[in-house]
Amino acid sequence: MNSRIGNIEVCPSCGGKLELDEKMINLWCHNPICPAQLERRVLHYVKTLDIMDVGIGTISGLCGAGFIKDVPDLYELTLDQIKEVTGGQQAAENVLTAILEKNKIPLAVFLDALGIDGLGTTTSRDMANNFKKLGLVMITQNPAVLTSIEGIGPITARKIIEGLTTMGPMIERLTRVIDVLDVQEATGKLAGKSFLISGTLSKPRKAVEAIITSAGGEMKSGVSKTLGYLIVGDDPGSKVDKAKKLGITMLNEQQLMEMMK
């Protein structure tokens, strides 16, 4: 149910402004710390960090019992609190261990885990590669700085800055119990080179991307003048045509592997 103050639709839970979705049908609250979205926010964090043994039932139970009021509370849970939800000692121990083990988080993964509108996996990676440190991300208030990063437009930049500002106190509290790892200068055979995959390869795309980044390469989100290499597989689509127009070097999977020898 929506509430109205004057002519502005507001969220009945947090009082934040509601906005119509792209289809101009549904109203959504985009306040990243809205209490009504607590469970979704915590579950997104857990899934992004791939915290095993912590599923939706556990998160729902912990939030419902009031043991989790925001993401940092995950790291302050007691065994007895978790046991109230899981009902078993061993299950509670598994949950607590799984959470506490995820205390060193790469910057790109951390940004993605925040669940800020517009700050998805690709944008988080691009921002991490650009800023290198969480502190530099947090002091960025000029949308023009973000729009200089490929793939980020003015609307997305505004949403990201607003989200980071609103979540600032929570992020500060969270970084007292975890370490957000700076992006290190790339080393390896592919250091200084950028790549994009188009089409189907012999290995899953994420596996090939992991090979590239482990060798120091950077993954791009789209074809542009800043792209170094387009890796072409089966049924590559329109990216090939765009890459040809821009004079971008194209490689097959075997040629990529040769580059790393």
Protein backbone atom coordinates (compact mmCIF):
# COMPACT_ATOMS: atom_id res chain seq x y z
CA MET A 1 0.00 0.00 0.00
CA ASN A 2 1.26 3.47 -0.88
CA SER A 3 1.06 6.60 1.25
CA ARG A 4 0.77 10.10 -0.09
CA ILE A 5 2.21 13.32 1.31
CA GLY A 6 0.87 16.16 -0.81
CA ASN A 7 1.39 14.99 -4.37
CA ILE A 8 4.35 12.73 -3.63
CA GLU A 9 3.95 8.98 -3.28
CA VAL A 10 5.95 7.74 -0.29
CA CYS A 11 6.85 4.37 1.16
CA PRO A 12 4.69 3.57 4.22
CA SER A 13 7.66 1.83 5.85
CA CYS A 14 10.44 4.42 5.57
CA GLY A 15 8.81 7.53 4.11
CA GLY A 16 11.11 7.39 1.09
CA LYS A 17 9.93 8.54 -2.31
CA LEU A 18 8.33 5.88 -4.48
CA GLU A 19 9.16 5.75 -8.17
CA LEU A 20 7.37 4.12 -11.09
CA ASP A 21 9.12 1.22 -12.76
CA GLU A 22 10.22 1.29 -16.40
CA LYS A 23 6.76 0.11 -17.53
CA MET A 24 5.16 2.96 -15.55
CA ILE A 25 2.94 0.46 -13.72
CA ASN A 26 4.34 -0.37 -10.27
CA LEU A 27 5.66 1.93 -7.58
CA TRP A 28 8.93 0.93 -5.94
CA CYS A 29 10.84 2.19 -2.94
CA HIS A 30 14.53 2.53 -3.83
CA ASN A 31 15.69 3.45 -0.34
CA PRO A 32 18.52 0.93 0.22
CA ILE A 33 17.96 0.89 3.99
CA CYS A 34 14.17 0.63 3.96
CA PRO A 35 13.14 -1.64 6.88
CA ALA A 36 10.57 -3.41 4.70
CA GLN A 37 13.35 -4.52 2.38
CA LEU A 38 15.61 -5.80 5.16
CA GLU A 39 15.24 -9.49 4.40
CA ARG A 40 15.85 -9.00 0.67
CA ARG A 41 18.90 -6.81 1.37
CA VAL A 42 20.51 -9.30 3.76
CA LEU A 43 19.78 -12.25 1.48
CA HIS A 44 21.33 -10.41 -1.48
CA TYR A 45 24.48 -9.82 0.58
CA VAL A 46 24.66 -13.47 1.60
CA LYS A 47 24.12 -14.74 -1.95
CA THR A 48 26.62 -12.33 -3.50
CA LEU A 49 29.31 -13.41 -1.04
CA ASP A 50 28.32 -17.05 -1.66
CA ILE A 51 27.97 -17.73 2.07
CA MET A 52 27.18 -21.43 2.25
CA ASP A 53 24.70 -22.98 4.72
CA VAL A 54 22.80 -19.68 5.01
CA GLY A 55 19.56 -19.83 3.04
CA ILE A 56 16.40 -17.82 2.77
CA GLY A 57 14.72 -19.70 5.63
CA THR A 58 17.54 -18.89 8.02
CA ILE A 59 17.68 -15.22 7.00
CA SER A 60 13.91 -14.88 7.22
CA GLY A 61 13.91 -16.40 10.68
CA LEU A 62 16.75 -14.24 11.98
CA CYS A 63 15.19 -11.06 10.61
CA GLY A 64 11.76 -12.02 11.89
CA ALA A 65 13.13 -12.66 15.37
CA GLY A 66 14.77 -9.23 15.39
CA PHE A 67 18.29 -10.64 15.59
CA ILE A 68 19.22 -8.97 12.28
CA LYS A 69 18.22 -5.35 11.78
CA ASP A 70 20.83 -4.67 9.10
CA VAL A 71 23.67 -6.43 7.29
CA PRO A 72 26.39 -5.83 9.94
CA ASP A 73 24.30 -7.77 12.47
CA LEU A 74 25.18 -10.93 10.55
CA TYR A 75 28.66 -10.77 12.06
CA GLU A 76 27.39 -10.16 15.59
CA LEU A 77 25.01 -13.10 15.81
CA THR A 78 25.44 -15.49 18.72
CA LEU A 79 25.24 -19.25 18.49
CA ASP A 80 22.14 -19.25 20.71
CA GLN A 81 20.35 -16.76 18.44
CA ILE A 82 21.05 -18.84 15.35
CA LYS A 83 20.06 -22.02 17.16
CA GLU A 84 16.62 -20.53 17.90
CA VAL A 85 16.07 -20.38 14.16
CA THR A 86 17.85 -23.52 12.93
CA GLY A 87 16.71 -25.67 15.85
CA GLY A 88 19.96 -27.65 15.94
CA GLN A 89 23.41 -27.10 17.42
CA GLN A 90 25.38 -28.37 14.43
CA ALA A 91 23.31 -26.40 11.93
CA ALA A 92 23.78 -23.25 14.01
CA GLU A 93 27.53 -23.81 14.18
CA ASN A 94 27.67 -24.28 10.40
CA VAL A 95 25.80 -21.01 9.82
CA LEU A 96 27.99 -19.04 12.22
CA THR A 97 31.21 -20.46 10.75
CA ALA A 98 30.09 -19.77 7.18
CA ILE A 99 29.32 -16.13 8.00
CA LEU A 100 32.48 -15.41 9.96
CA GLU A 101 34.67 -16.96 7.27
CA LYS A 102 33.50 -14.30 4.79
CA ASN A 103 35.38 -11.44 6.40
CA LYS A 104 37.86 -10.54 3.65
CA ILE A 105 35.93 -9.30 0.64
CA PRO A 106 37.29 -7.95 -2.68
CA LEU A 107 36.10 -4.41 -3.38
CA ALA A 108 34.10 -5.37 -6.50
CA VAL A 109 32.24 -8.13 -4.65
CA PHE A 110 31.55 -5.84 -1.69
CA LEU A 111 30.04 -3.12 -3.88
CA ASP A 112 27.87 -5.69 -5.65
CA ALA A 113 26.74 -7.14 -2.31
CA LEU A 114 25.35 -3.78 -1.15
CA GLY A 115 22.36 -4.17 -3.46
CA ILE A 116 22.32 -0.52 -4.54
CA ASP A 117 20.08 0.19 -7.52
CA GLY A 118 22.28 0.46 -10.63
CA LEU A 119 25.32 -1.07 -8.92
CA GLY A 120 25.29 -4.60 -10.29
CA THR A 121 28.10 -7.08 -10.88
CA THR A 122 29.58 -5.45 -13.99
CA THR A 123 29.31 -1.87 -12.73
CA SER A 124 30.77 -2.87 -9.36
CA ARG A 125 33.75 -4.44 -11.11
CA ASP A 126 34.29 -1.40 -13.31
CA MET A 127 34.06 0.97 -10.34
CA ALA A 128 36.45 -1.16 -8.30
CA ASN A 129 38.99 -1.17 -11.13
CA ASN A 130 38.66 2.60 -11.45
CA PHE A 131 38.81 3.63 -7.78
CA LYS A 132 40.88 0.75 -6.32
CA LYS A 133 39.89 1.59 -2.70
CA LEU A 134 36.56 1.70 -0.87
CA GLY A 135 37.49 5.03 0.71
CA LEU A 136 37.80 6.65 -2.71
CA VAL A 137 34.46 5.21 -3.77
CA MET A 138 32.74 6.60 -0.69
CA ILE A 139 33.95 10.19 -1.11
CA THR A 140 32.81 10.38 -4.74
CA GLN A 141 29.92 12.85 -4.95
CA ASN A 142 30.28 14.14 -8.51
CA PRO A 143 28.17 12.17 -11.02
CA ALA A 144 30.57 13.23 -13.80
CA VAL A 145 33.28 11.11 -12.19
CA LEU A 146 31.08 8.02 -12.48
CA THR A 147 29.81 8.78 -15.98
CA SER A 148 33.43 8.81 -17.14
CA ILE A 149 33.40 5.05 -16.44
CA GLU A 150 32.19 3.07 -19.43
CA GLY A 151 28.59 1.88 -19.10
CA ILE A 152 27.49 4.32 -16.38
CA GLY A 153 25.00 6.97 -17.47
CA PRO A 154 23.78 10.06 -15.58
CA ILE A 155 20.72 8.37 -14.03
CA THR A 156 22.71 5.35 -12.86
CA ALA A 157 25.45 7.63 -11.49
CA ARG A 158 22.91 9.58 -9.45
CA LYS A 159 21.35 6.39 -8.06
CA ILE A 160 24.76 4.98 -7.08
CA ILE A 161 25.86 8.17 -5.31
CA GLU A 162 22.53 8.47 -3.49
CA GLY A 163 22.68 4.81 -2.47
CA LEU A 164 26.25 4.99 -1.18
CA THR A 165 25.47 8.18 0.75
CA THR A 166 22.34 6.71 2.35
CA MET A 167 24.16 3.50 3.25
CA GLY A 168 27.25 5.33 4.52
CA PRO A 169 26.67 4.71 8.25
CA MET A 170 25.86 1.04 7.61
CA ILE A 171 28.95 0.61 5.43
CA GLU A 172 31.13 2.24 8.10
CA ARG A 173 29.76 -0.14 10.71
CA LEU A 174 30.19 -3.13 8.40
CA THR A 175 33.83 -2.32 7.70
CA ARG A 176 34.56 -2.56 11.43
CA VAL A 177 33.90 -6.31 11.28
CA ILE A 178 35.15 -7.15 7.76
CA ASP A 179 38.08 -6.18 5.55
CA VAL A 180 37.29 -4.79 2.09
CA LEU A 181 40.31 -5.63 -0.05
CA ASP A 182 41.81 -2.95 -2.28
CA VAL A 183 42.25 -3.70 -5.97
CA GLN A 184 45.90 -4.55 -6.56
CA GLU A 185 47.79 -3.58 -9.69
CA ALA A 186 47.37 -6.36 -12.20
CA THR A 187 50.32 -8.65 -12.92
CA GLY A 188 50.57 -11.55 -15.33
CA LYS A 189 50.66 -12.28 -19.02
CA LEU A 190 47.48 -10.29 -19.71
CA ALA A 191 48.20 -7.28 -17.49
CA GLY A 192 47.22 -4.02 -19.18
CA LYS A 193 44.97 -5.79 -21.70
CA SER A 194 41.16 -5.71 -21.81
CA PHE A 195 38.78 -8.36 -23.11
CA LEU A 196 35.17 -9.07 -23.91
CA ILE A 197 33.64 -12.45 -24.75
CA SER A 198 31.02 -12.86 -27.46
CA GLY A 199 29.53 -16.19 -28.35
CA THR A 200 29.79 -19.69 -26.87
CA LEU A 201 33.20 -21.09 -25.87
CA SER A 202 34.30 -24.59 -24.85
CA LYS A 203 34.24 -23.53 -21.18
CA PRO A 204 31.53 -21.59 -19.32
CA ARG A 205 31.90 -17.83 -19.77
CA LYS A 206 32.53 -17.18 -16.08
CA ALA A 207 35.32 -19.76 -16.10
CA VAL A 208 37.05 -18.07 -19.05
CA GLU A 209 36.63 -14.66 -17.42
CA ALA A 210 38.23 -16.03 -14.25
CA ILE A 211 41.19 -17.31 -16.28
CA ILE A 212 41.63 -13.90 -17.90
CA THR A 213 41.45 -11.92 -14.66
CA SER A 214 43.78 -14.34 -12.86
CA ALA A 215 46.32 -13.62 -15.61
CA GLY A 216 45.97 -9.87 -15.02
CA GLY A 217 43.49 -9.10 -17.80
CA GLU A 218 40.50 -6.81 -17.42
CA MET A 219 36.99 -7.75 -18.51
CA LYS A 220 34.95 -5.08 -20.27
CA SER A 221 31.15 -4.81 -20.32
CA GLY A 222 30.75 -3.78 -23.97
CA VAL A 223 32.42 -3.04 -27.29
CA SER A 224 34.03 0.40 -27.37
CA LYS A 225 37.24 2.11 -28.45
CA THR A 226 38.79 1.21 -25.09
CA LEU A 227 38.38 -2.54 -25.67
CA GLY A 228 41.60 -4.36 -26.50
CA TYR A 229 40.40 -7.78 -27.64
CA LEU A 230 37.09 -9.41 -28.52
CA ILE A 231 37.12 -13.16 -27.87
CA VAL A 232 34.86 -14.75 -30.45
CA GLY A 233 33.09 -18.07 -29.98
CA ASP A 234 30.17 -19.74 -31.73
CA ASP A 235 27.24 -17.48 -32.65
CA PRO A 236 28.96 -14.26 -31.51
CA GLY A 237 26.22 -11.87 -32.60
CA SER A 238 26.43 -8.18 -33.46
CA LYS A 239 29.45 -7.45 -31.26
CA VAL A 240 31.69 -8.74 -34.06
CA ASP A 241 30.38 -6.16 -36.54
CA LYS A 242 30.87 -3.33 -34.07
CA ALA A 243 34.38 -4.56 -33.21
CA LYS A 244 35.31 -4.66 -36.91
CA LYS A 245 34.16 -1.08 -37.39
CA LEU A 246 36.31 0.04 -34.45
CA GLY A 247 39.33 -1.98 -35.58
CA ILE A 248 39.40 -4.11 -32.43
CA THR A 249 41.52 -7.26 -32.51
CA MET A 250 39.49 -10.46 -32.45
CA LEU A 251 40.72 -13.75 -31.01
CA ASN A 252 39.37 -17.26 -30.84
CA GLU A 253 39.66 -19.30 -27.65
CA GLN A 254 42.85 -21.02 -28.72
CA GLN A 255 44.55 -17.73 -29.53
CA LEU A 256 43.60 -16.42 -26.10
CA MET A 257 45.28 -19.41 -24.46
CA GLU A 258 48.38 -18.87 -26.62
CA MET A 259 48.65 -15.31 -25.29
CA MET A 260 49.03 -16.66 -21.76
CA LYS A 261 51.85 -19.09 -22.55
